[in-house]
């Protein structure tokens, strides 16, 4: 038995027993859930229950869990703990996403914000006594068109605004590197969000973005290679000017890709922000 299989076999019952009824649903998220794990991947366990044992960290169930976690950590398994969630809370958040609400919950451990559909649709279900986890996955099996439209509206507005905003140009001229690092991350994320939604695929989150993008059927020309060039602008004196030009070019190509499908473009974000210009 592999270390991964042993860890799952041992830890899942212990995690399930942390629920008040001793039967929390358990899943493995992250790279292991996506089937992309390598030697650097950690184990991201999720637990779902109506309620957990009172004073949990003082219970024998918690102590048994900690003991085994430490044992596996000594064997080389990276496991930071468990994210324990309520069925009710997940159901509420999922209803929002299915209704077209783009809600990126911010946690310290995610740079792009936690996105529930990505997590639920890719997690490896280990124990699901009520069938809730499988039910959520089935609801997400087909990418909701209302969510796709909401992602387009939200992120295309960001892209449209920044591709022509003079602040971006001035920061390039001034070589304001802190600003440029921030705006590059912001726009790269928006591009990836739109491209994945266009292909009716959930955004990967913080890992494997370009690897998974390479598998998408519809992309702007040379998408992966150009994105690499954007985030690795090299050492040439004009690299920041070229980086901005490459970002603007990619934004235009993404817009062309979408417009070819929908037959129209969204109103300019600048016009939306400045209605008096109409």
Protein backbone atom coordinates (compact mmCIF):
# COMPACT_ATOMS: atom_id res chain seq x y z
CA UNK A 1 0.00 0.00 0.00
CA UNK A 2 1.36 3.43 -0.94
CA UNK A 3 1.82 6.15 1.65
CA UNK A 4 -1.05 8.06 0.07
CA UNK A 5 -3.41 5.09 0.23
CA UNK A 6 -2.41 4.33 3.81
CA UNK A 7 -2.91 7.95 4.85
CA UNK A 8 -6.38 8.06 3.33
CA UNK A 9 -7.35 4.73 4.86
CA UNK A 10 -6.23 5.78 8.33
CA UNK A 11 -7.16 9.46 8.40
CA UNK A 12 -10.62 9.40 6.82
CA UNK A 13 -12.32 7.47 9.69
CA UNK A 14 -10.56 9.68 12.24
CA UNK A 15 -11.70 12.85 10.48
CA UNK A 16 -15.25 11.52 10.13
CA UNK A 17 -15.30 10.87 13.87
CA UNK A 18 -14.74 14.56 14.61
CA UNK A 19 -18.37 15.26 13.75
CA UNK A 20 -20.89 15.28 16.54
CA UNK A 21 -22.56 12.20 15.04
CA UNK A 22 -19.22 10.57 14.19
CA UNK A 23 -20.00 10.60 10.48
CA UNK A 24 -18.60 13.70 8.79
CA UNK A 25 -18.21 13.48 5.05
CA UNK A 26 -14.54 13.58 4.05
CA UNK A 27 -12.86 14.59 0.80
CA UNK A 28 -9.35 15.27 -0.42
CA UNK A 29 -8.93 18.53 -2.34
CA UNK A 30 -6.03 20.34 -4.01
CA UNK A 31 -3.62 18.55 -6.32
CA UNK A 32 -4.64 15.12 -5.05
CA UNK A 33 -8.26 15.87 -5.81
CA UNK A 34 -7.35 17.11 -9.29
CA UNK A 35 -5.21 14.06 -10.02
CA UNK A 36 -2.13 16.28 -10.42
CA UNK A 37 -0.23 15.46 -7.24
CA UNK A 38 3.52 15.14 -7.22
CA UNK A 39 6.20 14.77 -4.56
CA UNK A 40 5.68 18.40 -3.46
CA UNK A 41 1.92 18.13 -3.00
CA UNK A 42 0.34 18.26 0.43
CA UNK A 43 -2.89 16.63 1.59
CA UNK A 44 -5.82 19.03 1.80
CA UNK A 45 -8.61 17.27 3.69
CA UNK A 46 -12.13 18.67 3.83
CA UNK A 47 -14.75 17.63 6.39
CA UNK A 48 -18.49 18.33 6.14
CA UNK A 49 -21.03 17.94 8.93
CA UNK A 50 -23.99 19.62 10.56
CA UNK A 51 -21.97 20.04 13.75
CA UNK A 52 -18.67 18.97 15.30
CA UNK A 53 -17.97 17.68 18.77
CA UNK A 54 -18.14 20.38 21.47
CA UNK A 55 -14.74 21.50 22.75
CA UNK A 56 -13.29 19.50 19.88
CA UNK A 57 -9.61 19.98 20.65
CA UNK A 58 -10.09 18.53 24.13
CA UNK A 59 -11.76 15.35 22.89
CA UNK A 60 -10.16 11.90 22.54
CA UNK A 61 -11.22 11.94 18.87
CA UNK A 62 -9.11 15.02 18.21
CA UNK A 63 -6.13 13.59 20.07
CA UNK A 64 -6.28 10.40 17.98
CA UNK A 65 -6.38 12.51 14.83
CA UNK A 66 -3.37 14.59 15.93
CA UNK A 67 -1.38 11.49 16.84
CA UNK A 68 -1.83 9.95 13.40
CA UNK A 69 -1.24 13.25 11.63
CA UNK A 70 2.11 13.62 13.35
CA UNK A 71 3.02 10.05 12.50
CA UNK A 72 2.35 10.60 8.81
CA UNK A 73 4.20 13.89 8.87
CA UNK A 74 7.29 12.06 10.11
CA UNK A 75 6.87 9.67 7.17
CA UNK A 76 6.97 12.60 4.75
CA UNK A 77 3.27 13.32 4.19
CA UNK A 78 2.54 17.04 4.21
CA UNK A 79 -0.76 17.62 5.98
CA UNK A 80 -1.54 20.94 7.62
CA UNK A 81 -4.85 19.94 9.17
CA UNK A 82 -8.48 19.85 8.07
CA UNK A 83 -10.93 22.43 6.86
CA UNK A 84 -14.14 21.60 8.72
CA UNK A 85 -17.23 23.02 7.08
CA UNK A 86 -20.96 22.82 7.63
CA UNK A 87 -23.33 21.33 5.09
CA UNK A 88 -25.54 24.38 5.51
CA UNK A 89 -22.75 26.86 4.84
CA UNK A 90 -21.53 25.07 1.74
CA UNK A 91 -25.10 24.75 0.44
CA UNK A 92 -25.65 28.48 0.90
CA UNK A 93 -22.44 29.41 -0.90
CA UNK A 94 -23.05 26.92 -3.68
CA UNK A 95 -26.53 28.33 -4.28
CA UNK A 96 -24.93 31.74 -4.76
CA UNK A 97 -22.45 30.47 -7.33
CA UNK A 98 -25.15 28.55 -9.20
CA UNK A 99 -27.17 31.78 -9.30
CA UNK A 100 -24.28 33.60 -10.98
CA UNK A 101 -22.62 35.26 -7.99
CA UNK A 102 -18.83 35.46 -8.34
CA UNK A 103 -17.73 35.30 -4.70
CA UNK A 104 -14.00 34.94 -4.12
CA UNK A 105 -13.53 34.27 -0.42
CA UNK A 106 -10.16 35.49 0.75
CA UNK A 107 -7.97 33.27 2.89
CA UNK A 108 -4.28 33.55 3.66
CA UNK A 109 -3.53 30.30 1.84
CA UNK A 110 -4.91 31.33 -1.53
CA UNK A 111 -3.61 34.16 -3.74
CA UNK A 112 -6.59 34.30 -6.11
CA UNK A 113 -9.32 33.76 -3.54
CA UNK A 114 -11.12 30.53 -2.69
CA UNK A 115 -13.70 29.52 -5.28
CA UNK A 116 -16.16 26.88 -4.20
CA UNK A 117 -17.07 25.35 -7.59
CA UNK A 118 -13.43 24.51 -8.26
CA UNK A 119 -13.09 22.81 -4.89
CA UNK A 120 -16.32 20.80 -5.01
CA UNK A 121 -15.98 19.71 -8.63
CA UNK A 122 -12.44 18.38 -8.29
CA UNK A 123 -12.20 16.98 -4.76
CA UNK A 124 -11.69 13.26 -4.25
CA UNK A 125 -14.64 12.00 -2.26
CA UNK A 126 -13.44 9.57 0.40
CA UNK A 127 -16.53 9.20 2.61
CA UNK A 128 -19.98 10.57 1.82
CA UNK A 129 -22.57 8.98 4.12
CA UNK A 130 -25.42 11.29 3.09
CA UNK A 131 -24.48 11.60 -0.55
CA UNK A 132 -24.19 15.38 -0.24
CA UNK A 133 -20.73 15.65 -1.81
CA UNK A 134 -21.76 13.58 -4.81
CA UNK A 135 -24.92 15.66 -5.14
CA UNK A 136 -22.90 18.88 -5.22
CA UNK A 137 -20.61 17.41 -7.85
CA UNK A 138 -23.57 16.46 -10.00
CA UNK A 139 -24.94 20.00 -9.76
CA UNK A 140 -21.61 21.28 -11.06
CA UNK A 141 -21.17 18.61 -13.73
CA UNK A 142 -22.40 21.05 -16.39
CA UNK A 143 -20.91 24.54 -16.16
CA UNK A 144 -23.79 26.89 -15.30
CA UNK A 145 -24.37 29.37 -18.13
CA UNK A 146 -25.48 32.06 -15.69
CA UNK A 147 -22.16 31.70 -13.87
CA UNK A 148 -20.25 31.80 -17.15
CA UNK A 149 -21.97 35.07 -18.03
CA UNK A 150 -21.24 36.51 -14.58
CA UNK A 151 -17.54 35.63 -14.85
CA UNK A 152 -17.39 37.29 -18.25
CA UNK A 153 -19.02 40.46 -16.92
CA UNK A 154 -16.85 40.63 -13.81
CA UNK A 155 -13.42 39.93 -15.29
CA UNK A 156 -13.83 41.47 -18.72
CA UNK A 157 -14.65 44.76 -17.04
CA UNK A 158 -11.31 44.56 -15.24
CA UNK A 159 -9.45 43.72 -18.44
CA UNK A 160 -11.17 46.40 -20.50
CA UNK A 161 -10.45 49.06 -17.91
CA UNK A 162 -6.76 48.37 -17.39
CA UNK A 163 -5.73 47.75 -20.97
CA UNK A 164 -6.24 51.45 -21.77
CA UNK A 165 -5.83 53.13 -18.39
CA UNK A 166 -3.10 55.77 -18.33
CA UNK A 167 -2.04 54.84 -14.79
CA UNK A 168 -0.74 51.52 -16.09
CA UNK A 169 1.22 53.25 -18.85
CA UNK A 170 2.70 55.83 -16.49
CA UNK A 171 3.79 53.16 -14.01
CA UNK A 172 5.64 51.36 -16.81
CA UNK A 173 7.43 54.57 -17.78
CA UNK A 174 8.34 55.24 -14.15
CA UNK A 175 9.40 51.61 -13.59
CA UNK A 176 7.18 51.33 -10.53
CA UNK A 177 7.98 47.66 -10.03
CA UNK A 178 5.74 47.07 -7.01
CA UNK A 179 2.73 48.36 -8.94
CA UNK A 180 3.71 46.33 -12.01
CA UNK A 181 4.00 43.14 -9.96
CA UNK A 182 0.51 43.71 -8.57
CA UNK A 183 -1.20 44.66 -11.83
CA UNK A 184 0.41 41.74 -13.67
CA UNK A 185 -1.00 39.28 -11.15
CA UNK A 186 -4.41 40.94 -11.26
CA UNK A 187 -4.65 40.86 -15.06
CA UNK A 188 -3.17 37.39 -15.45
CA UNK A 189 -5.80 36.09 -13.04
CA UNK A 190 -8.60 37.87 -14.93
CA UNK A 191 -7.38 36.47 -18.25
CA UNK A 192 -7.24 32.94 -16.86
CA UNK A 193 -10.68 33.26 -15.29
CA UNK A 194 -12.26 34.33 -18.58
CA UNK A 195 -10.46 31.73 -20.67
CA UNK A 196 -11.47 28.85 -18.41
CA UNK A 197 -15.07 30.06 -18.22
CA UNK A 198 -15.14 30.43 -22.00
CA UNK A 199 -14.26 26.74 -22.24
CA UNK A 200 -16.85 25.94 -19.56
CA UNK A 201 -14.19 24.72 -17.15
CA UNK A 202 -13.80 25.76 -13.56
CA UNK A 203 -10.79 27.95 -12.83
CA UNK A 204 -8.05 25.72 -11.35
CA UNK A 205 -7.29 27.97 -8.40
CA UNK A 206 -3.72 28.46 -7.24
CA UNK A 207 -2.16 25.43 -8.92
CA UNK A 208 -1.51 23.96 -12.37
CA UNK A 209 -3.10 26.87 -14.25
CA UNK A 210 -1.02 26.77 -17.43
CA UNK A 211 -0.78 22.98 -17.44
CA UNK A 212 -4.56 22.71 -17.38
CA UNK A 213 -4.98 25.64 -19.78
CA UNK A 214 -2.89 23.74 -22.32
CA UNK A 215 -5.66 21.11 -22.38
CA UNK A 216 -8.47 23.57 -23.16
CA UNK A 217 -9.96 23.17 -26.65
CA UNK A 218 -10.42 26.88 -27.44
CA UNK A 219 -7.63 29.34 -26.75
CA UNK A 220 -6.13 32.49 -28.25
CA UNK A 221 -3.17 31.72 -30.53
CA UNK A 222 -0.08 30.39 -28.71
CA UNK A 223 -1.80 31.08 -25.41
CA UNK A 224 0.46 29.18 -23.00
CA UNK A 225 3.69 30.40 -24.59
CA UNK A 226 2.49 34.01 -24.52
CA UNK A 227 1.36 33.77 -20.91
CA UNK A 228 4.77 32.45 -19.93
CA UNK A 229 6.36 35.41 -21.68
CA UNK A 230 4.05 37.78 -19.79
CA UNK A 231 4.97 36.45 -16.35
CA UNK A 232 8.65 36.00 -17.29
CA UNK A 233 9.45 39.24 -19.15
CA UNK A 234 13.20 38.61 -19.25
CA UNK A 235 16.01 41.11 -18.77
CA UNK A 236 15.79 43.41 -21.78
CA UNK A 237 15.71 47.16 -21.00
CA UNK A 238 12.22 47.46 -22.51
CA UNK A 239 10.85 44.36 -20.81
CA UNK A 240 8.12 46.17 -18.85
CA UNK A 241 6.89 48.01 -21.93
CA UNK A 242 6.88 44.73 -23.81
CA UNK A 243 5.10 42.98 -20.94
CA UNK A 244 2.29 45.56 -21.01
CA UNK A 245 2.04 45.28 -24.81
CA UNK A 246 1.79 41.50 -24.51
CA UNK A 247 -0.92 41.76 -21.86
CA UNK A 248 -2.93 44.20 -23.97
CA UNK A 249 -2.51 41.96 -27.01
CA UNK A 250 -3.71 38.95 -25.02
CA UNK A 251 -6.70 40.88 -23.69
CA UNK A 252 -7.66 41.82 -27.24
CA UNK A 253 -7.31 38.22 -28.42
CA UNK A 254 -9.43 36.93 -25.53
CA UNK A 255 -12.09 39.50 -26.41
CA UNK A 256 -11.97 38.46 -30.06
CA UNK A 257 -12.42 34.82 -29.05
CA UNK A 258 -15.48 35.62 -26.97
CA UNK A 259 -16.96 38.09 -29.43
CA UNK A 260 -16.80 35.49 -32.18
CA UNK A 261 -19.13 33.36 -30.07
CA UNK A 262 -21.52 35.89 -28.61
CA UNK A 263 -21.51 38.24 -31.59
CA UNK A 264 -21.05 41.36 -29.50
CA UNK A 265 -18.79 43.02 -26.96
CA UNK A 266 -19.70 44.27 -23.55
CA UNK A 267 -19.98 48.05 -23.15
CA UNK A 268 -16.66 49.63 -22.38
CA UNK A 269 -15.81 49.53 -18.68
CA UNK A 270 -14.65 53.13 -18.98
CA UNK A 271 -18.11 54.13 -20.24
CA UNK A 272 -19.77 52.23 -17.42
CA UNK A 273 -17.60 53.96 -14.85
CA UNK A 274 -18.17 57.39 -16.44
CA UNK A 275 -21.83 57.54 -17.47
CA UNK A 276 -21.62 61.25 -18.19
CA UNK A 277 -19.49 60.39 -21.23
CA UNK A 278 -22.44 58.70 -22.92
